[in-house]
Amino acid sequence: MNGGKTRLERGKTHLVLREVRETVRGGDFMKFTMRFEDAGPVTFTVQAQVPVYDESPSPTG
């Protein structure tokens, strides 16, 4: 999407951070930097989502 915007929404487009070096718990704030080809580095501060577990019955019992 050249020059457009992407909205990050629950259950839709999202980011997954892998190999995080510190423990992050729901509610914690963390800062990270993304490097974009045209815009250069952009630093974000985000709050970690509190995990929500699906408690519905499993299809296998």
C-alpha atoms as a PDB file:
ATOM      1  CA  MET A   1       0.000   0.000   0.000  1.00  0.00           C
ATOM      2  CA  ASN A   2       2.087   2.895  -1.255  1.00  0.00           C
ATOM      3  CA  GLY A   3       1.531   6.022   0.869  1.00  0.00           C
ATOM      4  CA  GLY A   4      -1.595   4.559   2.464  1.00  0.00           C
ATOM      5  CA  LYS A   5      -2.443   3.628   6.016  1.00  0.00           C
ATOM      6  CA  THR A   6      -2.924   0.278   7.681  1.00  0.00           C
ATOM      7  CA  ARG A   7      -5.153   0.078  10.726  1.00  0.00           C
ATOM      8  CA  LEU A   8      -4.213  -2.552  13.307  1.00  0.00           C
ATOM      9  CA  GLU A   9      -7.417  -4.010  14.758  1.00  0.00           C
ATOM     10  CA  ARG A  10      -8.248  -6.926  17.056  1.00  0.00           C
ATOM     11  CA  GLY A  11      -8.838 -10.056  15.008  1.00  0.00           C
ATOM     12  CA  LYS A  12      -7.511  -8.407  11.852  1.00  0.00           C
ATOM     13  CA  THR A  13      -4.134  -7.055  10.752  1.00  0.00           C
ATOM     14  CA  HIS A  14      -1.652  -7.188  13.637  1.00  0.00           C
ATOM     15  CA  LEU A  15       2.044  -7.382  14.457  1.00  0.00           C
ATOM     16  CA  VAL A  16       3.736 -10.335  16.076  1.00  0.00           C
ATOM     17  CA  LEU A  17       7.051  -9.624  17.769  1.00  0.00           C
ATOM     18  CA  ARG A  18       9.347 -12.640  17.892  1.00  0.00           C
ATOM     19  CA  GLU A  19      12.505 -13.258  19.888  1.00  0.00           C
ATOM     20  CA  VAL A  20      11.725 -10.504  22.411  1.00  0.00           C
ATOM     21  CA  ARG A  21      14.590 -10.446  24.926  1.00  0.00           C
ATOM     22  CA  GLU A  22      12.547  -9.410  27.969  1.00  0.00           C
ATOM     23  CA  THR A  23       9.414 -10.813  29.598  1.00  0.00           C
ATOM     24  CA  VAL A  24       6.372  -8.819  28.528  1.00  0.00           C
ATOM     25  CA  ARG A  25       3.142  -9.188  30.494  1.00  0.00           C
ATOM     26  CA  GLY A  26      -0.303  -7.910  29.590  1.00  0.00           C
ATOM     27  CA  GLY A  27      -0.515  -4.229  30.452  1.00  0.00           C
ATOM     28  CA  ASP A  28       3.256  -3.632  30.190  1.00  0.00           C
ATOM     29  CA  PHE A  29       4.505  -0.879  27.904  1.00  0.00           C
ATOM     30  CA  MET A  30       7.335  -1.530  25.490  1.00  0.00           C
ATOM     31  CA  LYS A  31       9.198   0.593  22.990  1.00  0.00           C
ATOM     32  CA  PHE A  32      10.392  -0.681  19.643  1.00  0.00           C
ATOM     33  CA  THR A  33      11.677   0.792  16.411  1.00  0.00           C
ATOM     34  CA  MET A  34      10.620  -0.235  12.929  1.00  0.00           C
ATOM     35  CA  ARG A  35      12.788   0.730   9.986  1.00  0.00           C
ATOM     36  CA  PHE A  36      10.949   1.586   6.787  1.00  0.00           C
ATOM     37  CA  GLU A  37      12.546   1.797   3.370  1.00  0.00           C
ATOM     38  CA  ASP A  38      11.209   5.279   2.555  1.00  0.00           C
ATOM     39  CA  ALA A  39      10.296   6.777   5.942  1.00  0.00           C
ATOM     40  CA  GLY A  40      13.361   5.558   7.850  1.00  0.00           C
ATOM     41  CA  PRO A  41      13.175   4.520  11.521  1.00  0.00           C
ATOM     42  CA  VAL A  42       9.973   5.125  13.500  1.00  0.00           C
ATOM     43  CA  THR A  43       9.864   4.400  17.249  1.00  0.00           C
ATOM     44  CA  PHE A  44       6.622   3.230  18.861  1.00  0.00           C
ATOM     45  CA  THR A  45       5.574   2.794  22.487  1.00  0.00           C
ATOM     46  CA  VAL A  46       2.801   0.233  22.802  1.00  0.00           C
ATOM     47  CA  GLN A  47       0.933  -1.448  25.631  1.00  0.00           C
ATOM     48  CA  ALA A  48       0.943  -5.256  25.591  1.00  0.00           C
ATOM     49  CA  GLN A  49      -2.476  -6.833  25.291  1.00  0.00           C
ATOM     50  CA  VAL A  50      -3.709  -8.891  28.234  1.00  0.00           C
ATOM     51  CA  PRO A  51      -4.047 -12.467  26.931  1.00  0.00           C
ATOM     52  CA  VAL A  52      -7.589 -13.684  26.312  1.00  0.00           C
ATOM     53  CA  TYR A  53      -8.082 -17.413  26.256  1.00  0.00           C
ATOM     54  CA  ASP A  54     -10.864 -19.177  24.408  1.00  0.00           C
ATOM     55  CA  GLU A  55     -12.683 -21.308  27.007  1.00  0.00           C
ATOM     56  CA  SER A  56     -15.163 -22.829  24.569  1.00  0.00           C
ATOM     57  CA  PRO A  57     -15.234 -26.648  24.444  1.00  0.00           C
ATOM     58  CA  SER A  58     -12.708 -28.269  22.189  1.00  0.00           C
ATOM     59  CA  PRO A  59     -14.146 -30.023  19.105  1.00  0.00           C
ATOM     60  CA  THR A  60     -12.431 -33.246  20.223  1.00  0.00           C
ATOM     61  CA  GLY A  61     -13.995 -33.234  23.699  1.00  0.00           C
END
